[in-house]
Amino acid sequence: MNINNRYNLVNNSTAISNAVTALKNQQVIAYPTEAVFGLGCDPMNETAVQRLLTIKQRPIEKGLILIAANLAQLEPYVDLSKLTAEQIDKIKQTWPGPATWVMPAKAQVPKWLTGKFDSIAVRVSAHSTVQKLCLAFGGPITSTSANLTGLTPCVTTAEVTAQLEPLLGAIVDETVGQLAQPTTITDAVTGKVYR
């Protein structure tokens, strides 16, 4: 391993560690996803979610997407008993990957995540930074595009810094994936494609 690669690994490790600390301190972070930078926070911390919604000027009724490293991290949030074996198999065939699924939410999932729905949108990402981040945090985080209302979603660290830096606890300085469009969003029960 040459010195530059070692430096990049240390840099990445430090960025993940700083982001996890920010998440645990009720702060909002920016991190690269498949197509754009995302804004994330601890989904079970109402203060953190409220911060995120304020930054985005997003109504709570819309609900939020959760992004995870594996299906096990999402099991506390999704009610798999309301899906058929075929539906679950179809979901698993797309993960990890750029596919977001709207699934029945467990009764205890807070309304600040589900909004006006009894379902929740979830994704197991193949992006290496998202994988590392969610594994280090020990669970899923929220995922919504990193941008202020009316502005284009950020695709570089420089854009995140220019638009959002004072509002964030940490920025994970890595590159976004190769996806040209936002991930698809499909209803796991009905098969309806929302995006």
C-alpha atoms as a PDB file:
ATOM      1  CA  MET A   1       0.000   0.000   0.000  1.00  0.00           C
ATOM      2  CA  ASN A   2       1.462   3.353  -0.934  1.00  0.00           C
ATOM      3  CA  ILE A   3       1.407   6.328   1.398  1.00  0.00           C
ATOM      4  CA  ASN A   4      -1.395   8.088  -0.528  1.00  0.00           C
ATOM      5  CA  ASN A   5      -3.745   5.107  -0.231  1.00  0.00           C
ATOM      6  CA  ARG A   6      -2.974   4.826   3.463  1.00  0.00           C
ATOM      7  CA  TYR A   7      -3.718   8.534   3.919  1.00  0.00           C
ATOM      8  CA  ASN A   8      -7.059   8.188   2.087  1.00  0.00           C
ATOM      9  CA  LEU A   9      -8.072   5.247   4.284  1.00  0.00           C
ATOM     10  CA  VAL A  10      -7.230   7.179   7.442  1.00  0.00           C
ATOM     11  CA  ASN A  11      -9.070  10.209   6.084  1.00  0.00           C
ATOM     12  CA  ASN A  12     -12.152   8.102   5.306  1.00  0.00           C
ATOM     13  CA  SER A  13     -12.025   6.397   8.701  1.00  0.00           C
ATOM     14  CA  THR A  14     -11.808   9.760  10.485  1.00  0.00           C
ATOM     15  CA  ALA A  15     -14.670  11.195   8.418  1.00  0.00           C
ATOM     16  CA  ILE A  16     -16.907   8.216   9.307  1.00  0.00           C
ATOM     17  CA  SER A  17     -15.944   8.488  12.985  1.00  0.00           C
ATOM     18  CA  ASN A  18     -16.691  12.239  13.026  1.00  0.00           C
ATOM     19  CA  ALA A  19     -20.035  11.633  11.308  1.00  0.00           C
ATOM     20  CA  VAL A  20     -21.042   8.934  13.818  1.00  0.00           C
ATOM     21  CA  THR A  21     -20.154  11.267  16.698  1.00  0.00           C
ATOM     22  CA  ALA A  22     -22.318  13.996  15.130  1.00  0.00           C
ATOM     23  CA  LEU A  23     -25.212  11.534  14.652  1.00  0.00           C
ATOM     24  CA  LYS A  24     -25.013  10.502  18.317  1.00  0.00           C
ATOM     25  CA  ASN A  25     -25.049  14.186  19.299  1.00  0.00           C
ATOM     26  CA  GLN A  26     -28.422  14.842  17.580  1.00  0.00           C
ATOM     27  CA  GLN A  27     -26.792  16.602  14.631  1.00  0.00           C
ATOM     28  CA  VAL A  28     -27.441  16.391  10.891  1.00  0.00           C
ATOM     29  CA  ILE A  29     -24.683  15.140   8.591  1.00  0.00           C
ATOM     30  CA  ALA A  30     -24.084  15.151   4.826  1.00  0.00           C
ATOM     31  CA  TYR A  31     -22.812  12.013   3.120  1.00  0.00           C
ATOM     32  CA  PRO A  32     -22.503  10.725  -0.456  1.00  0.00           C
ATOM     33  CA  THR A  33     -25.127   8.323  -1.809  1.00  0.00           C
ATOM     34  CA  GLU A  34     -25.662   6.643  -5.167  1.00  0.00           C
ATOM     35  CA  ALA A  35     -26.520   9.840  -7.095  1.00  0.00           C
ATOM     36  CA  VAL A  36     -26.263  12.886  -4.800  1.00  0.00           C
ATOM     37  CA  PHE A  37     -25.205  13.854  -1.303  1.00  0.00           C
ATOM     38  CA  GLY A  38     -27.761  12.980   1.333  1.00  0.00           C
ATOM     39  CA  LEU A  39     -28.643  14.574   4.646  1.00  0.00           C
ATOM     40  CA  GLY A  40     -28.898  12.163   7.514  1.00  0.00           C
ATOM     41  CA  CYS A  41     -29.576  11.988  11.209  1.00  0.00           C
ATOM     42  CA  ASP A  42     -30.483   9.451  13.892  1.00  0.00           C
ATOM     43  CA  PRO A  43     -34.026   8.424  12.879  1.00  0.00           C
ATOM     44  CA  MET A  44     -35.047   7.629  16.460  1.00  0.00           C
ATOM     45  CA  ASN A  45     -34.036  11.028  17.796  1.00  0.00           C
ATOM     46  CA  GLU A  46     -36.913  13.473  17.401  1.00  0.00           C
ATOM     47  CA  THR A  47     -34.714  16.538  18.012  1.00  0.00           C
ATOM     48  CA  ALA A  48     -32.334  15.475  15.232  1.00  0.00           C
ATOM     49  CA  VAL A  49     -35.178  14.735  12.801  1.00  0.00           C
ATOM     50  CA  GLN A  50     -36.765  18.109  13.577  1.00  0.00           C
ATOM     51  CA  ARG A  51     -33.415  19.757  12.794  1.00  0.00           C
ATOM     52  CA  LEU A  52     -33.296  17.944   9.465  1.00  0.00           C
ATOM     53  CA  LEU A  53     -36.870  18.922   8.580  1.00  0.00           C
ATOM     54  CA  THR A  54     -36.099  22.562   9.440  1.00  0.00           C
ATOM     55  CA  ILE A  55     -33.008  22.599   7.184  1.00  0.00           C
ATOM     56  CA  LYS A  56     -35.020  21.096   4.322  1.00  0.00           C
ATOM     57  CA  GLN A  57     -38.200  23.091   5.082  1.00  0.00           C
ATOM     58  CA  ARG A  58     -39.881  19.719   4.671  1.00  0.00           C
ATOM     59  CA  PRO A  59     -43.322  19.052   6.189  1.00  0.00           C
ATOM     60  CA  ILE A  60     -43.324  16.193   8.684  1.00  0.00           C
ATOM     61  CA  GLU A  61     -46.369  14.690   6.898  1.00  0.00           C
ATOM     62  CA  LYS A  62     -44.205  13.615   3.930  1.00  0.00           C
ATOM     63  CA  GLY A  63     -42.214  11.088   5.949  1.00  0.00           C
ATOM     64  CA  LEU A  64     -38.547  10.245   5.428  1.00  0.00           C
ATOM     65  CA  ILE A  65     -36.451   7.555   3.748  1.00  0.00           C
ATOM     66  CA  LEU A  66     -34.195   5.372   5.872  1.00  0.00           C
ATOM     67  CA  ILE A  67     -30.946   4.069   4.394  1.00  0.00           C
ATOM     68  CA  ALA A  68     -29.106   1.075   5.838  1.00  0.00           C
ATOM     69  CA  ALA A  69     -26.181  -1.312   5.406  1.00  0.00           C
ATOM     70  CA  ASN A  70     -28.360  -4.449   5.463  1.00  0.00           C
ATOM     71  CA  LEU A  71     -31.935  -5.653   5.896  1.00  0.00           C
ATOM     72  CA  ALA A  72     -31.335  -6.560   9.559  1.00  0.00           C
ATOM     73  CA  GLN A  73     -30.833  -2.853  10.351  1.00  0.00           C
ATOM     74  CA  LEU A  74     -34.304  -2.101   8.927  1.00  0.00           C
ATOM     75  CA  GLU A  75     -36.201  -4.905  10.682  1.00  0.00           C
ATOM     76  CA  PRO A  76     -37.093  -2.743  13.741  1.00  0.00           C
ATOM     77  CA  TYR A  77     -38.878  -0.351  11.334  1.00  0.00           C
ATOM     78  CA  VAL A  78     -40.550  -2.534   8.684  1.00  0.00           C
ATOM     79  CA  ASP A  79     -43.316  -5.074   9.251  1.00  0.00           C
ATOM     80  CA  LEU A  80     -42.194  -7.962   7.064  1.00  0.00           C
ATOM     81  CA  SER A  81     -45.161 -10.043   8.284  1.00  0.00           C
ATOM     82  CA  LYS A  82     -47.394  -7.886   6.061  1.00  0.00           C
ATOM     83  CA  LEU A  83     -45.456  -8.871   2.936  1.00  0.00           C
ATOM     84  CA  THR A  84     -45.575 -12.146   1.037  1.00  0.00           C
ATOM     85  CA  ALA A  85     -42.484 -14.317   0.580  1.00  0.00           C
ATOM     86  CA  GLU A  86     -42.525 -13.317  -3.102  1.00  0.00           C
ATOM     87  CA  GLN A  87     -42.594  -9.596  -2.253  1.00  0.00           C
ATOM     88  CA  ILE A  88     -39.702  -9.976   0.198  1.00  0.00           C
ATOM     89  CA  ASP A  89     -37.730 -11.982  -2.357  1.00  0.00           C
ATOM     90  CA  LYS A  90     -38.285  -9.280  -4.996  1.00  0.00           C
ATOM     91  CA  ILE A  91     -36.964  -6.632  -2.584  1.00  0.00           C
ATOM     92  CA  LYS A  92     -33.931  -8.728  -1.643  1.00  0.00           C
ATOM     93  CA  GLN A  93     -33.037  -9.153  -5.319  1.00  0.00           C
ATOM     94  CA  THR A  94     -32.556  -5.356  -5.604  1.00  0.00           C
ATOM     95  CA  TRP A  95     -30.445  -4.943  -2.429  1.00  0.00           C
ATOM     96  CA  PRO A  96     -27.893  -3.752  -1.790  1.00  0.00           C
ATOM     97  CA  GLY A  97     -28.548  -1.333  -4.590  1.00  0.00           C
ATOM     98  CA  PRO A  98     -30.233   1.881  -5.749  1.00  0.00           C
ATOM     99  CA  ALA A  99     -33.807   0.736  -5.048  1.00  0.00           C
ATOM    100  CA  THR A 100     -35.986   2.342  -2.370  1.00  0.00           C
ATOM    101  CA  TRP A 101     -39.034   0.349  -1.247  1.00  0.00           C
ATOM    102  CA  VAL A 102     -42.104   1.640   0.566  1.00  0.00           C
ATOM    103  CA  MET A 103     -42.939  -1.061   3.102  1.00  0.00           C
ATOM    104  CA  PRO A 104     -45.488  -1.434   5.913  1.00  0.00           C
ATOM    105  CA  ALA A 105     -44.122   0.228   9.057  1.00  0.00           C
ATOM    106  CA  LYS A 106     -44.179  -1.410  12.479  1.00  0.00           C
ATOM    107  CA  ALA A 107     -46.704   0.179  14.845  1.00  0.00           C
ATOM    108  CA  GLN A 108     -44.008   1.639  17.133  1.00  0.00           C
ATOM    109  CA  VAL A 109     -42.261   3.597  14.359  1.00  0.00           C
ATOM    110  CA  PRO A 110     -42.643   7.293  15.225  1.00  0.00           C
ATOM    111  CA  LYS A 111     -44.779   9.590  13.076  1.00  0.00           C
ATOM    112  CA  TRP A 112     -41.821  11.924  12.564  1.00  0.00           C
ATOM    113  CA  LEU A 113     -40.492   9.163  10.256  1.00  0.00           C
ATOM    114  CA  THR A 114     -43.677   7.851   8.627  1.00  0.00           C
ATOM    115  CA  GLY A 115     -45.497  11.181   8.381  1.00  0.00           C
ATOM    116  CA  LYS A 116     -49.143  10.714   7.429  1.00  0.00           C
ATOM    117  CA  PHE A 117     -48.508   7.136   6.232  1.00  0.00           C
ATOM    118  CA  ASP A 118     -48.554   3.696   7.864  1.00  0.00           C
ATOM    119  CA  SER A 119     -45.592   2.755   5.697  1.00  0.00           C
ATOM    120  CA  ILE A 120     -41.937   3.755   5.518  1.00  0.00           C
ATOM    121  CA  ALA A 121     -39.512   4.128   2.609  1.00  0.00           C
ATOM    122  CA  VAL A 122     -36.277   2.165   3.074  1.00  0.00           C
ATOM    123  CA  ARG A 123     -33.136   1.276   1.126  1.00  0.00           C
ATOM    124  CA  VAL A 124     -30.117  -0.967   1.616  1.00  0.00           C
ATOM    125  CA  SER A 125     -27.387   0.927  -0.190  1.00  0.00           C
ATOM    126  CA  ALA A 126     -24.443  -0.575  -2.058  1.00  0.00           C
ATOM    127  CA  HIS A 127     -22.490   2.698  -1.738  1.00  0.00           C
ATOM    128  CA  SER A 128     -19.365   1.847   0.271  1.00  0.00           C
ATOM    129  CA  THR A 129     -19.473   5.046   2.347  1.00  0.00           C
ATOM    130  CA  VAL A 130     -23.129   4.489   3.282  1.00  0.00           C
ATOM    131  CA  GLN A 131     -22.298   0.894   4.203  1.00  0.00           C
ATOM    132  CA  LYS A 132     -19.396   1.975   6.448  1.00  0.00           C
ATOM    133  CA  LEU A 133     -21.410   4.806   7.983  1.00  0.00           C
ATOM    134  CA  CYS A 134     -24.463   2.695   8.883  1.00  0.00           C
ATOM    135  CA  LEU A 135     -22.312  -0.172  10.205  1.00  0.00           C
ATOM    136  CA  ALA A 136     -20.273   2.234  12.358  1.00  0.00           C
ATOM    137  CA  PHE A 137     -23.439   3.968  13.606  1.00  0.00           C
ATOM    138  CA  GLY A 138     -25.083   0.619  14.302  1.00  0.00           C
ATOM    139  CA  GLY A 139     -28.293   1.245  12.391  1.00  0.00           C
ATOM    140  CA  PRO A 140     -30.006   3.108   9.578  1.00  0.00           C
ATOM    141  CA  ILE A 141     -29.961   6.866   9.140  1.00  0.00           C
ATOM    142  CA  THR A 142     -32.367   9.188   7.383  1.00  0.00           C
ATOM    143  CA  SER A 143     -31.758   9.987   3.735  1.00  0.00           C
ATOM    144  CA  THR A 144     -32.979  13.066   1.924  1.00  0.00           C
ATOM    145  CA  SER A 145     -31.144  15.058  -0.724  1.00  0.00           C
ATOM    146  CA  ALA A 146     -28.570  17.557   0.537  1.00  0.00           C
ATOM    147  CA  ASN A 147     -29.863  20.906  -0.605  1.00  0.00           C
ATOM    148  CA  LEU A 148     -31.776  23.914   0.621  1.00  0.00           C
ATOM    149  CA  THR A 149     -35.327  24.290  -0.692  1.00  0.00           C
ATOM    150  CA  GLY A 150     -35.348  25.464  -4.292  1.00  0.00           C
ATOM    151  CA  LEU A 151     -31.671  24.681  -4.888  1.00  0.00           C
ATOM    152  CA  THR A 152     -30.208  21.755  -6.839  1.00  0.00           C
ATOM    153  CA  PRO A 153     -29.143  18.702  -4.771  1.00  0.00           C
ATOM    154  CA  CYS A 154     -25.416  18.745  -4.012  1.00  0.00           C
ATOM    155  CA  VAL A 155     -23.161  16.262  -5.815  1.00  0.00           C
ATOM    156  CA  THR A 156     -19.782  17.382  -4.431  1.00  0.00           C
ATOM    157  CA  THR A 157     -18.374  18.205  -1.019  1.00  0.00           C
ATOM    158  CA  ALA A 158     -17.717  21.758  -2.233  1.00  0.00           C
ATOM    159  CA  GLU A 159     -21.414  22.226  -3.070  1.00  0.00           C
ATOM    160  CA  VAL A 160     -22.465  20.838   0.332  1.00  0.00           C
ATOM    161  CA  THR A 161     -20.016  23.177   2.058  1.00  0.00           C
ATOM    162  CA  ALA A 162     -21.242  26.209   0.126  1.00  0.00           C
ATOM    163  CA  GLN A 163     -24.954  25.507   0.723  1.00  0.00           C
ATOM    164  CA  LEU A 164     -25.128  23.825   4.108  1.00  0.00           C
ATOM    165  CA  GLU A 165     -21.915  23.771   6.149  1.00  0.00           C
ATOM    166  CA  PRO A 166     -23.061  26.015   9.056  1.00  0.00           C
ATOM    167  CA  LEU A 167     -26.149  23.798   9.536  1.00  0.00           C
ATOM    168  CA  LEU A 168     -24.318  20.464   9.711  1.00  0.00           C
ATOM    169  CA  GLY A 169     -22.480  18.503  12.371  1.00  0.00           C
ATOM    170  CA  ALA A 170     -20.247  16.740   9.839  1.00  0.00           C
ATOM    171  CA  ILE A 171     -19.652  16.282   6.115  1.00  0.00           C
ATOM    172  CA  VAL A 172     -18.285  12.955   4.876  1.00  0.00           C
ATOM    173  CA  ASP A 173     -15.858  14.021   2.156  1.00  0.00           C
ATOM    174  CA  GLU A 174     -16.228  11.172  -0.343  1.00  0.00           C
ATOM    175  CA  THR A 175     -17.612  10.947  -3.887  1.00  0.00           C
ATOM    176  CA  VAL A 176     -21.166  10.120  -4.897  1.00  0.00           C
ATOM    177  CA  GLY A 177     -21.926   7.004  -6.933  1.00  0.00           C
ATOM    178  CA  GLN A 178     -22.401   6.781 -10.686  1.00  0.00           C
ATOM    179  CA  LEU A 179     -26.224   6.845 -10.692  1.00  0.00           C
ATOM    180  CA  ALA A 180     -27.490   9.578 -13.021  1.00  0.00           C
ATOM    181  CA  GLN A 181     -30.985   9.813 -11.486  1.00  0.00           C
ATOM    182  CA  PRO A 182     -32.309   9.507  -7.912  1.00  0.00           C
ATOM    183  CA  THR A 183     -33.050   5.956  -6.797  1.00  0.00           C
ATOM    184  CA  THR A 184     -36.360   4.387  -7.777  1.00  0.00           C
ATOM    185  CA  ILE A 185     -39.118   4.327  -5.148  1.00  0.00           C
ATOM    186  CA  THR A 186     -41.566   1.409  -5.401  1.00  0.00           C
ATOM    187  CA  ASP A 187     -44.449   0.304  -3.192  1.00  0.00           C
ATOM    188  CA  ALA A 188     -43.582  -3.199  -1.981  1.00  0.00           C
ATOM    189  CA  VAL A 189     -47.258  -4.161  -1.578  1.00  0.00           C
ATOM    190  CA  THR A 190     -48.857  -2.744  -4.731  1.00  0.00           C
ATOM    191  CA  GLY A 191     -45.845  -2.540  -7.043  1.00  0.00           C
ATOM    192  CA  LYS A 192     -46.656   1.100  -7.824  1.00  0.00           C
ATOM    193  CA  VAL A 193     -43.560   3.094  -8.866  1.00  0.00           C
ATOM    194  CA  TYR A 194     -43.506   6.556  -7.268  1.00  0.00           C
ATOM    195  CA  ARG A 195     -40.172   7.685  -8.762  1.00  0.00           C
END
